Amino acid sequence: MFNYGMKLKYDSDFVKDCIQEVFFQLIKKRDKLGQTDNIKLYLLKSVKNRIIRELSSKNKESLNKKKLPQFESVFSVEDEFIQKEGNTKKETALFQAITKLSERQREAIFLKYECDLSYSEICELMNISNDSARKLVYRAVTRIKQIIHKNTGPGFVLFLTSLRKYVL
């Protein structure tokens, strides 16, 4: 939940407060809660909604698409370190390819491969259809492969299989 929240708003204290508020509300309203098949999805969606609500109340403006929290392209502490240090050409190329994806593609890739959510869970969390979730992930992976192939050559695609935790 914290990692997903950090992708939406890169402020650890703010995200921790939102997560705490989600659990506070769950405890406070536990008698009114219905059944859920997937608690992980429920909690991720609750955190996302809480972050959006908190940001909108702070801004005291109507939220439009441009004001929604943007999904950060940094996937983990390791990726951020790789980006800052530029350890290897391959890892840097992968990071740069990911940053060239759209915000929605980065979010879908993160949910699919970092959070290990199914397509039906992704579509529910992102408010899109199941087919759209599949297409979004497929196009993101295809785009990453195209960018990397263009920048580093065809041999690099084999390297991607060893970086499954990042993208594939």
N, C-alpha and C. Protein backbone atom coordinates (compact mmCIF):
# COMPACT_ATOMS: atom_id res chain seq x y z
N MET A 1 0.83 -1.19 0.00
CA MET A 1 0.00 0.00 0.00
C MET A 1 0.87 1.25 0.00
N PHE A 2 1.92 1.21 0.80
CA PHE A 2 2.80 2.36 0.88
C PHE A 2 3.49 2.61 -0.46
N ASN A 3 4.01 1.55 -1.09
CA ASN A 3 4.68 1.71 -2.38
C ASN A 3 3.73 2.27 -3.43
N TYR A 4 2.51 1.77 -3.46
CA TYR A 4 1.53 2.28 -4.42
C TYR A 4 1.20 3.74 -4.12
N GLY A 5 1.02 4.06 -2.87
CA GLY A 5 0.75 5.44 -2.48
C GLY A 5 1.88 6.38 -2.87
N MET A 6 3.12 5.90 -2.74
CA MET A 6 4.28 6.72 -3.11
C MET A 6 4.34 6.97 -4.61
N LYS A 7 3.75 6.09 -5.40
CA LYS A 7 3.71 6.30 -6.85
C LYS A 7 2.71 7.41 -7.20
N LEU A 8 1.73 7.59 -6.35
CA LEU A 8 0.71 8.61 -6.60
C LEU A 8 1.11 9.97 -6.05
N LYS A 9 1.78 9.97 -4.91
CA LYS A 9 2.20 11.21 -4.27
C LYS A 9 3.51 10.95 -3.58
N TYR A 10 4.59 11.56 -4.07
CA TYR A 10 5.92 11.27 -3.56
C TYR A 10 6.20 12.09 -2.30
N ASP A 11 5.48 11.74 -1.23
CA ASP A 11 5.64 12.38 0.07
C ASP A 11 5.30 11.32 1.11
N SER A 12 6.32 10.75 1.71
CA SER A 12 6.12 9.59 2.58
C SER A 12 5.22 9.90 3.78
N ASP A 13 5.36 11.06 4.38
CA ASP A 13 4.52 11.40 5.52
C ASP A 13 3.05 11.52 5.11
N PHE A 14 2.81 12.15 3.97
CA PHE A 14 1.45 12.29 3.46
C PHE A 14 0.84 10.91 3.19
N VAL A 15 1.60 10.03 2.55
CA VAL A 15 1.11 8.69 2.22
C VAL A 15 0.85 7.89 3.50
N LYS A 16 1.75 7.98 4.46
CA LYS A 16 1.55 7.28 5.74
C LYS A 16 0.28 7.77 6.44
N ASP A 17 0.05 9.08 6.41
CA ASP A 17 -1.16 9.63 7.01
C ASP A 17 -2.41 9.10 6.31
N CYS A 18 -2.36 9.03 4.99
CA CYS A 18 -3.51 8.52 4.24
C CYS A 18 -3.78 7.06 4.55
N ILE A 19 -2.73 6.26 4.64
CA ILE A 19 -2.89 4.84 4.97
C ILE A 19 -3.46 4.69 6.38
N GLN A 20 -2.94 5.48 7.30
CA GLN A 20 -3.45 5.44 8.67
C GLN A 20 -4.93 5.83 8.69
N GLU A 21 -5.30 6.83 7.92
CA GLU A 21 -6.70 7.26 7.87
C GLU A 21 -7.59 6.16 7.28
N VAL A 22 -7.09 5.44 6.29
CA VAL A 22 -7.86 4.33 5.71
C VAL A 22 -8.14 3.29 6.79
N PHE A 23 -7.13 2.90 7.54
CA PHE A 23 -7.33 1.90 8.58
C PHE A 23 -8.20 2.43 9.72
N PHE A 24 -8.05 3.70 10.04
CA PHE A 24 -8.90 4.31 11.06
C PHE A 24 -10.37 4.24 10.63
N GLN A 25 -10.64 4.58 9.37
CA GLN A 25 -12.01 4.53 8.87
C GLN A 25 -12.54 3.10 8.81
N LEU A 26 -11.67 2.15 8.47
CA LEU A 26 -12.09 0.75 8.45
C LEU A 26 -12.51 0.29 9.85
N ILE A 27 -11.74 0.66 10.84
CA ILE A 27 -12.08 0.28 12.22
C ILE A 27 -13.34 1.00 12.68
N LYS A 28 -13.43 2.28 12.36
CA LYS A 28 -14.56 3.09 12.78
C LYS A 28 -15.87 2.60 12.16
N LYS A 29 -15.81 2.18 10.90
CA LYS A 29 -17.02 1.79 10.18
C LYS A 29 -17.08 0.28 9.91
N ARG A 30 -16.44 -0.50 10.75
CA ARG A 30 -16.36 -1.94 10.50
C ARG A 30 -17.73 -2.62 10.47
N ASP A 31 -18.70 -2.07 11.19
CA ASP A 31 -20.04 -2.66 11.20
C ASP A 31 -20.76 -2.45 9.87
N LYS A 32 -20.37 -1.43 9.14
CA LYS A 32 -21.04 -1.09 7.88
C LYS A 32 -20.34 -1.68 6.65
N LEU A 33 -19.19 -2.32 6.87
CA LEU A 33 -18.42 -2.86 5.75
C LEU A 33 -19.09 -4.10 5.17
N GLY A 34 -19.05 -4.18 3.86
CA GLY A 34 -19.56 -5.37 3.19
C GLY A 34 -18.45 -6.38 2.96
N GLN A 35 -18.79 -7.47 2.33
CA GLN A 35 -17.81 -8.50 2.02
C GLN A 35 -16.99 -8.09 0.80
N THR A 36 -15.75 -8.55 0.76
CA THR A 36 -14.90 -8.33 -0.40
C THR A 36 -14.16 -9.61 -0.72
N ASP A 37 -13.98 -9.86 -2.00
CA ASP A 37 -13.26 -11.06 -2.43
C ASP A 37 -11.75 -10.85 -2.39
N ASN A 38 -11.34 -9.60 -2.50
CA ASN A 38 -9.91 -9.32 -2.60
C ASN A 38 -9.55 -8.14 -1.71
N ILE A 39 -9.03 -8.42 -0.55
CA ILE A 39 -8.71 -7.37 0.42
C ILE A 39 -7.58 -6.48 -0.08
N LYS A 40 -6.62 -7.06 -0.79
CA LYS A 40 -5.49 -6.29 -1.31
C LYS A 40 -5.98 -5.20 -2.27
N LEU A 41 -6.85 -5.59 -3.18
CA LEU A 41 -7.40 -4.63 -4.13
C LEU A 41 -8.23 -3.57 -3.42
N TYR A 42 -9.02 -3.99 -2.46
CA TYR A 42 -9.85 -3.07 -1.69
C TYR A 42 -8.99 -2.02 -0.99
N LEU A 43 -7.90 -2.46 -0.37
CA LEU A 43 -7.02 -1.53 0.35
C LEU A 43 -6.29 -0.59 -0.61
N LEU A 44 -5.81 -1.11 -1.73
CA LEU A 44 -5.14 -0.25 -2.72
C LEU A 44 -6.08 0.83 -3.24
N LYS A 45 -7.30 0.42 -3.55
CA LYS A 45 -8.29 1.37 -4.05
C LYS A 45 -8.64 2.40 -2.97
N SER A 46 -8.74 1.95 -1.73
CA SER A 46 -9.04 2.86 -0.62
C SER A 46 -7.94 3.90 -0.44
N VAL A 47 -6.69 3.45 -0.53
CA VAL A 47 -5.56 4.38 -0.39
C VAL A 47 -5.57 5.38 -1.54
N LYS A 48 -5.79 4.91 -2.75
CA LYS A 48 -5.83 5.81 -3.91
C LYS A 48 -6.94 6.86 -3.73
N ASN A 49 -8.11 6.42 -3.34
CA ASN A 49 -9.23 7.35 -3.14
C ASN A 49 -8.94 8.34 -2.01
N ARG A 50 -8.32 7.87 -0.93
CA ARG A 50 -7.99 8.75 0.19
C ARG A 50 -6.99 9.81 -0.24
N ILE A 51 -5.97 9.42 -1.00
CA ILE A 51 -4.97 10.38 -1.48
C ILE A 51 -5.63 11.44 -2.35
N ILE A 52 -6.49 11.01 -3.25
CA ILE A 52 -7.19 11.97 -4.12
C ILE A 52 -8.06 12.90 -3.29
N ARG A 53 -8.79 12.34 -2.31
CA ARG A 53 -9.64 13.17 -1.44
C ARG A 53 -8.83 14.18 -0.65
N GLU A 54 -7.72 13.74 -0.09
CA GLU A 54 -6.87 14.64 0.70
C GLU A 54 -6.28 15.74 -0.16
N LEU A 55 -5.84 15.39 -1.36
CA LEU A 55 -5.28 16.41 -2.25
C LEU A 55 -6.35 17.42 -2.68
N SER A 56 -7.55 16.93 -2.93
CA SER A 56 -8.61 17.84 -3.35
C SER A 56 -9.03 18.76 -2.21
N SER A 57 -9.04 18.26 -0.99
CA SER A 57 -9.42 19.12 0.14
C SER A 57 -8.32 20.14 0.44
N LYS A 58 -7.07 19.76 0.20
CA LYS A 58 -5.97 20.71 0.40
C LYS A 58 -6.01 21.82 -0.65
N ASN A 59 -6.30 21.46 -1.86
CA ASN A 59 -6.32 22.45 -2.94
C ASN A 59 -7.60 23.27 -2.94
N LYS A 60 -8.68 22.70 -2.38
CA LYS A 60 -9.99 23.35 -2.35
C LYS A 60 -10.41 23.83 -3.73
N GLU A 61 -10.05 23.03 -4.72
CA GLU A 61 -10.45 23.28 -6.10
C GLU A 61 -11.07 22.00 -6.62
N SER A 62 -11.85 22.12 -7.66
CA SER A 62 -12.38 20.91 -8.26
C SER A 62 -11.26 20.16 -8.95
N LEU A 63 -11.27 18.85 -8.77
CA LEU A 63 -10.24 18.03 -9.41
C LEU A 63 -10.65 17.77 -10.86
N ASN A 64 -9.73 18.06 -11.74
CA ASN A 64 -9.92 17.63 -13.11
C ASN A 64 -8.79 16.68 -13.43
N LYS A 65 -8.77 16.15 -14.61
CA LYS A 65 -7.81 15.11 -14.96
C LYS A 65 -6.37 15.57 -14.76
N LYS A 66 -6.08 16.84 -15.01
CA LYS A 66 -4.72 17.34 -14.87
C LYS A 66 -4.28 17.46 -13.42
N LYS A 67 -5.24 17.56 -12.50
CA LYS A 67 -4.89 17.75 -11.10
C LYS A 67 -4.85 16.44 -10.32
N LEU A 68 -5.22 15.33 -10.93
CA LEU A 68 -5.11 14.05 -10.25
C LEU A 68 -3.64 13.74 -10.01
N PRO A 69 -3.34 13.03 -8.95
CA PRO A 69 -1.93 12.72 -8.71
C PRO A 69 -1.35 11.93 -9.86
N GLN A 70 -0.14 12.31 -10.26
CA GLN A 70 0.51 11.62 -11.36
C GLN A 70 1.25 10.42 -10.84
N PHE A 71 1.22 9.38 -11.61
CA PHE A 71 1.90 8.15 -11.23
C PHE A 71 3.38 8.33 -11.50
N GLU A 72 4.20 8.20 -10.47
CA GLU A 72 5.64 8.41 -10.59
C GLU A 72 6.27 7.28 -11.39
N SER A 73 7.33 7.61 -12.12
CA SER A 73 7.99 6.60 -12.95
C SER A 73 9.05 5.83 -12.19
N VAL A 74 9.38 6.21 -10.97
CA VAL A 74 10.37 5.51 -10.18
C VAL A 74 9.69 4.29 -9.56
N PHE A 75 10.22 3.10 -9.80
CA PHE A 75 9.55 1.88 -9.37
C PHE A 75 9.99 1.39 -8.01
N SER A 76 11.20 1.67 -7.60
CA SER A 76 11.65 1.24 -6.28
C SER A 76 12.93 1.97 -5.93
N VAL A 77 13.38 1.76 -4.72
CA VAL A 77 14.63 2.39 -4.28
C VAL A 77 15.78 1.93 -5.16
N GLU A 78 15.78 0.65 -5.54
CA GLU A 78 16.85 0.14 -6.39
C GLU A 78 16.85 0.85 -7.74
N ASP A 79 15.66 1.04 -8.32
CA ASP A 79 15.57 1.71 -9.61
C ASP A 79 16.03 3.16 -9.51
N GLU A 80 15.66 3.82 -8.42
CA GLU A 80 16.07 5.20 -8.23
C GLU A 80 17.59 5.29 -8.11
N PHE A 81 18.18 4.34 -7.39
CA PHE A 81 19.63 4.30 -7.26
C PHE A 81 20.28 4.07 -8.62
N ILE A 82 19.72 3.16 -9.40
CA ILE A 82 20.24 2.87 -10.74
C ILE A 82 20.19 4.13 -11.59
N GLN A 83 19.08 4.84 -11.50
CA GLN A 83 18.92 6.04 -12.31
C GLN A 83 19.92 7.11 -11.90
N LYS A 84 20.12 7.30 -10.60
CA LYS A 84 21.04 8.33 -10.11
C LYS A 84 22.49 7.98 -10.39
N GLU A 85 22.85 6.75 -10.17
CA GLU A 85 24.24 6.33 -10.31
C GLU A 85 24.60 5.93 -11.73
N GLY A 86 23.61 5.55 -12.52
CA GLY A 86 23.88 5.11 -13.88
C GLY A 86 24.80 3.90 -13.91
N ASN A 87 24.52 2.92 -13.05
CA ASN A 87 25.41 1.77 -12.88
C ASN A 87 25.75 1.08 -14.19
N THR A 88 24.74 0.73 -14.94
CA THR A 88 25.03 0.05 -16.19
C THR A 88 24.19 0.63 -17.30
N LYS A 89 24.67 0.47 -18.49
CA LYS A 89 23.97 0.97 -19.67
C LYS A 89 22.61 0.28 -19.83
N LYS A 90 22.57 -0.99 -19.56
CA LYS A 90 21.33 -1.75 -19.73
C LYS A 90 20.24 -1.30 -18.75
N GLU A 91 20.60 -1.18 -17.50
CA GLU A 91 19.62 -0.77 -16.50
C GLU A 91 19.16 0.65 -16.73
N THR A 92 20.07 1.51 -17.14
CA THR A 92 19.71 2.89 -17.45
C THR A 92 18.78 2.94 -18.65
N ALA A 93 19.07 2.12 -19.66
CA ALA A 93 18.22 2.07 -20.85
C ALA A 93 16.81 1.62 -20.49
N LEU A 94 16.70 0.64 -19.62
CA LEU A 94 15.39 0.16 -19.18
C LEU A 94 14.65 1.25 -18.42
N PHE A 95 15.32 1.90 -17.51
CA PHE A 95 14.69 2.97 -16.74
C PHE A 95 14.21 4.09 -17.66
N GLN A 96 15.04 4.46 -18.62
CA GLN A 96 14.67 5.52 -19.56
C GLN A 96 13.48 5.10 -20.42
N ALA A 97 13.44 3.84 -20.79
CA ALA A 97 12.30 3.35 -21.57
C ALA A 97 11.02 3.43 -20.75
N ILE A 98 11.09 3.08 -19.49
CA ILE A 98 9.92 3.14 -18.62
C ILE A 98 9.45 4.59 -18.45
N THR A 99 10.38 5.51 -18.33
CA THR A 99 9.99 6.91 -18.15
C THR A 99 9.34 7.50 -19.39
N LYS A 100 9.54 6.87 -20.54
CA LYS A 100 8.91 7.36 -21.78
C LYS A 100 7.49 6.85 -21.95
N LEU A 101 7.06 5.97 -21.08
CA LEU A 101 5.69 5.48 -21.12
C LEU A 101 4.75 6.54 -20.59
N SER A 102 3.49 6.41 -20.95
CA SER A 102 2.49 7.33 -20.40
C SER A 102 2.29 7.02 -18.92
N GLU A 103 1.70 7.96 -18.23
CA GLU A 103 1.42 7.80 -16.80
C GLU A 103 0.58 6.55 -16.54
N ARG A 104 -0.44 6.34 -17.36
CA ARG A 104 -1.33 5.19 -17.20
C ARG A 104 -0.60 3.87 -17.48
N GLN A 105 0.29 3.88 -18.48
CA GLN A 105 1.05 2.67 -18.78
C GLN A 105 1.98 2.32 -17.63
N ARG A 106 2.64 3.32 -17.06
CA ARG A 106 3.53 3.07 -15.92
C ARG A 106 2.74 2.50 -14.74
N GLU A 107 1.56 3.06 -14.50
CA GLU A 107 0.74 2.56 -13.40
C GLU A 107 0.31 1.12 -13.65
N ALA A 108 -0.13 0.82 -14.87
CA ALA A 108 -0.56 -0.54 -15.20
C ALA A 108 0.59 -1.53 -15.07
N ILE A 109 1.77 -1.16 -15.55
CA ILE A 109 2.95 -2.02 -15.44
C ILE A 109 3.29 -2.26 -13.96
N PHE A 110 3.25 -1.21 -13.17
CA PHE A 110 3.55 -1.33 -11.74
C PHE A 110 2.56 -2.28 -11.07
N LEU A 111 1.27 -2.09 -11.34
CA LEU A 111 0.26 -2.92 -10.71
C LEU A 111 0.38 -4.38 -11.15
N LYS A 112 0.68 -4.60 -12.42
CA LYS A 112 0.78 -5.97 -12.94
C LYS A 112 2.01 -6.69 -12.43
N TYR A 113 3.16 -6.05 -12.50
CA TYR A 113 4.41 -6.76 -12.23
C TYR A 113 5.02 -6.50 -10.85
N GLU A 114 4.75 -5.37 -10.25
CA GLU A 114 5.25 -5.11 -8.89
C GLU A 114 4.23 -5.58 -7.84
N CYS A 115 2.96 -5.22 -8.04
CA CYS A 115 1.93 -5.60 -7.07
C CYS A 115 1.33 -6.97 -7.37
N ASP A 116 1.65 -7.52 -8.53
CA ASP A 116 1.20 -8.85 -8.94
C ASP A 116 -0.33 -8.95 -8.97
N LEU A 117 -0.99 -7.90 -9.47
CA LEU A 117 -2.44 -7.92 -9.58
C LEU A 117 -2.86 -8.55 -10.90
N SER A 118 -4.03 -9.15 -10.92
CA SER A 118 -4.58 -9.71 -12.15
C SER A 118 -5.15 -8.57 -13.00
N TYR A 119 -5.46 -8.88 -14.25
CA TYR A 119 -6.02 -7.86 -15.13
C TYR A 119 -7.38 -7.37 -14.61
N SER A 120 -8.17 -8.27 -14.06
CA SER A 120 -9.48 -7.84 -13.53
C SER A 120 -9.30 -6.90 -12.33
N GLU A 121 -8.28 -7.14 -11.53
CA GLU A 121 -8.00 -6.25 -10.40
C GLU A 121 -7.48 -4.90 -10.88
N ILE A 122 -6.64 -4.93 -11.91
CA ILE A 122 -6.11 -3.68 -12.48
C ILE A 122 -7.25 -2.85 -13.06
N CYS A 123 -8.15 -3.50 -13.79
CA CYS A 123 -9.24 -2.74 -14.40
C CYS A 123 -10.15 -2.13 -13.34
N GLU A 124 -10.36 -2.83 -12.25
CA GLU A 124 -11.19 -2.28 -11.18
C GLU A 124 -10.51 -1.10 -10.50
N LEU A 125 -9.21 -1.23 -10.25
CA LEU A 125 -8.46 -0.18 -9.56
C LEU A 125 -8.30 1.06 -10.43
N MET A 126 -8.10 0.87 -11.73
CA MET A 126 -7.87 2.00 -12.63
C MET A 126 -9.16 2.49 -13.30
N ASN A 127 -10.28 1.85 -12.99
CA ASN A 127 -11.57 2.22 -13.57
C ASN A 127 -11.57 2.14 -15.09
N ILE A 128 -11.08 1.01 -15.61
CA ILE A 128 -11.08 0.75 -17.05
C ILE A 128 -11.61 -0.66 -17.26
N SER A 129 -11.90 -1.01 -18.51
CA SER A 129 -12.39 -2.36 -18.80
C SER A 129 -11.24 -3.36 -18.76
N ASN A 130 -11.60 -4.62 -18.69
CA ASN A 130 -10.59 -5.68 -18.66
C ASN A 130 -9.77 -5.67 -19.94
N ASP A 131 -10.42 -5.50 -21.08
CA ASP A 131 -9.70 -5.43 -22.36
C ASP A 131 -8.75 -4.24 -22.39
N SER A 132 -9.18 -3.13 -21.85
CA SER A 132 -8.33 -1.94 -21.81
C SER A 132 -7.10 -2.17 -20.95
N ALA A 133 -7.27 -2.86 -19.83
CA ALA A 133 -6.13 -3.16 -18.95
C ALA A 133 -5.13 -4.05 -19.68
N ARG A 134 -5.63 -5.06 -20.37
CA ARG A 134 -4.75 -5.96 -21.12
C ARG A 134 -4.00 -5.20 -22.21
N LYS A 135 -4.73 -4.37 -22.94
CA LYS A 135 -4.11 -3.59 -24.02
C LYS A 135 -3.08 -2.61 -23.47
N LEU A 136 -3.40 -2.00 -22.36
CA LEU A 136 -2.49 -1.03 -21.75
C LEU A 136 -1.17 -1.69 -21.36
N VAL A 137 -1.24 -2.82 -20.71
CA VAL A 137 -0.02 -3.54 -20.31
C VAL A 137 0.73 -4.04 -21.55
N TYR A 138 0.00 -4.62 -22.50
CA TYR A 138 0.63 -5.14 -23.71
C TYR A 138 1.35 -4.03 -24.47
N ARG A 139 0.68 -2.91 -24.64
CA ARG A 139 1.28 -1.79 -25.38
C ARG A 139 2.47 -1.20 -24.63
N ALA A 140 2.40 -1.19 -23.31
CA ALA A 140 3.52 -0.68 -22.52
C ALA A 140 4.75 -1.57 -22.69
N VAL A 141 4.55 -2.88 -22.60
CA VAL A 141 5.67 -3.81 -22.76
C VAL A 141 6.22 -3.73 -24.18
N THR A 142 5.33 -3.66 -25.16
CA THR A 142 5.76 -3.53 -26.56
C THR A 142 6.55 -2.25 -26.76
N ARG A 143 6.08 -1.17 -26.18
CA ARG A 143 6.76 0.13 -26.31
C ARG A 143 8.14 0.07 -25.65
N ILE A 144 8.24 -0.53 -24.50
CA ILE A 144 9.53 -0.67 -23.83
C ILE A 144 10.50 -1.44 -24.72
N LYS A 145 10.02 -2.54 -25.28
CA LYS A 145 10.88 -3.34 -26.17
C LYS A 145 11.33 -2.53 -27.38
N GLN A 146 10.41 -1.75 -27.97
CA GLN A 146 10.76 -0.93 -29.14
C GLN A 146 11.82 0.11 -28.78
N ILE A 147 11.62 0.79 -27.69
CA ILE A 147 12.56 1.84 -27.27
C ILE A 147 13.93 1.24 -27.00
N ILE A 148 13.95 0.15 -26.28
CA ILE A 148 15.23 -0.47 -25.95
C ILE A 148 15.92 -1.03 -27.19
N HIS A 149 15.14 -1.66 -28.08
CA HIS A 149 15.71 -2.20 -29.31
C HIS A 149 16.31 -1.08 -30.16
N LYS A 150 15.63 0.04 -30.20
CA LYS A 150 16.10 1.19 -30.98
C LYS A 150 17.40 1.76 -30.38
N ASN A 151 17.46 1.83 -29.06
CA ASN A 151 18.60 2.47 -28.39
C ASN A 151 19.80 1.55 -28.16
N THR A 152 19.55 0.25 -28.01
CA THR A 152 20.66 -0.63 -27.64
C THR A 152 20.88 -1.80 -28.57
N GLY A 153 19.94 -2.08 -29.43
CA GLY A 153 20.09 -3.21 -30.34
C GLY A 153 19.27 -4.41 -29.89
N PRO A 154 19.14 -5.41 -30.76
CA PRO A 154 18.25 -6.54 -30.49
C PRO A 154 18.71 -7.45 -29.35
N GLY A 155 19.99 -7.52 -29.06
CA GLY A 155 20.48 -8.40 -28.01
C GLY A 155 19.99 -8.02 -26.63
N PHE A 156 19.58 -6.80 -26.47
CA PHE A 156 19.16 -6.32 -25.16
C PHE A 156 17.83 -6.91 -24.72
N VAL A 157 16.99 -7.31 -25.67
CA VAL A 157 15.70 -7.88 -25.31
C VAL A 157 15.89 -9.13 -24.45
N LEU A 158 16.96 -9.88 -24.68
CA LEU A 158 17.25 -11.04 -23.84
C LEU A 158 17.54 -10.63 -22.41
N PHE A 159 18.15 -9.47 -22.26
CA PHE A 159 18.45 -8.97 -20.92
C PHE A 159 17.17 -8.69 -20.13
N LEU A 160 16.11 -8.33 -20.83
CA LEU A 160 14.85 -8.01 -20.16
C LEU A 160 14.30 -9.18 -19.36
N THR A 161 14.54 -10.38 -19.84
CA THR A 161 14.02 -11.53 -19.11
C THR A 161 14.65 -11.66 -17.73
N SER A 162 15.87 -11.17 -17.58
CA SER A 162 16.52 -11.22 -16.27
C SER A 162 16.03 -10.10 -15.36
N LEU A 163 15.34 -9.13 -15.92
CA LEU A 163 14.82 -8.01 -15.12
C LEU A 163 13.31 -8.10 -14.96
N ARG A 164 12.78 -9.29 -14.86
CA ARG A 164 11.34 -9.49 -14.78
C ARG A 164 10.70 -8.67 -13.66
N LYS A 165 11.40 -8.49 -12.57
CA LYS A 165 10.81 -7.74 -11.45
C LYS A 165 10.60 -6.28 -11.81
N TYR A 166 11.30 -5.78 -12.81
CA TYR A 166 11.14 -4.38 -13.20
C TYR A 166 9.99 -4.21 -14.18
N VAL A 167 9.94 -5.04 -15.22
CA VAL A 167 8.97 -4.81 -16.28
C VAL A 167 8.24 -6.07 -16.69
N LEU A 168 8.96 -7.09 -17.07
CA LEU A 168 8.34 -8.25 -17.71
C LEU A 168 7.91 -9.31 -16.74
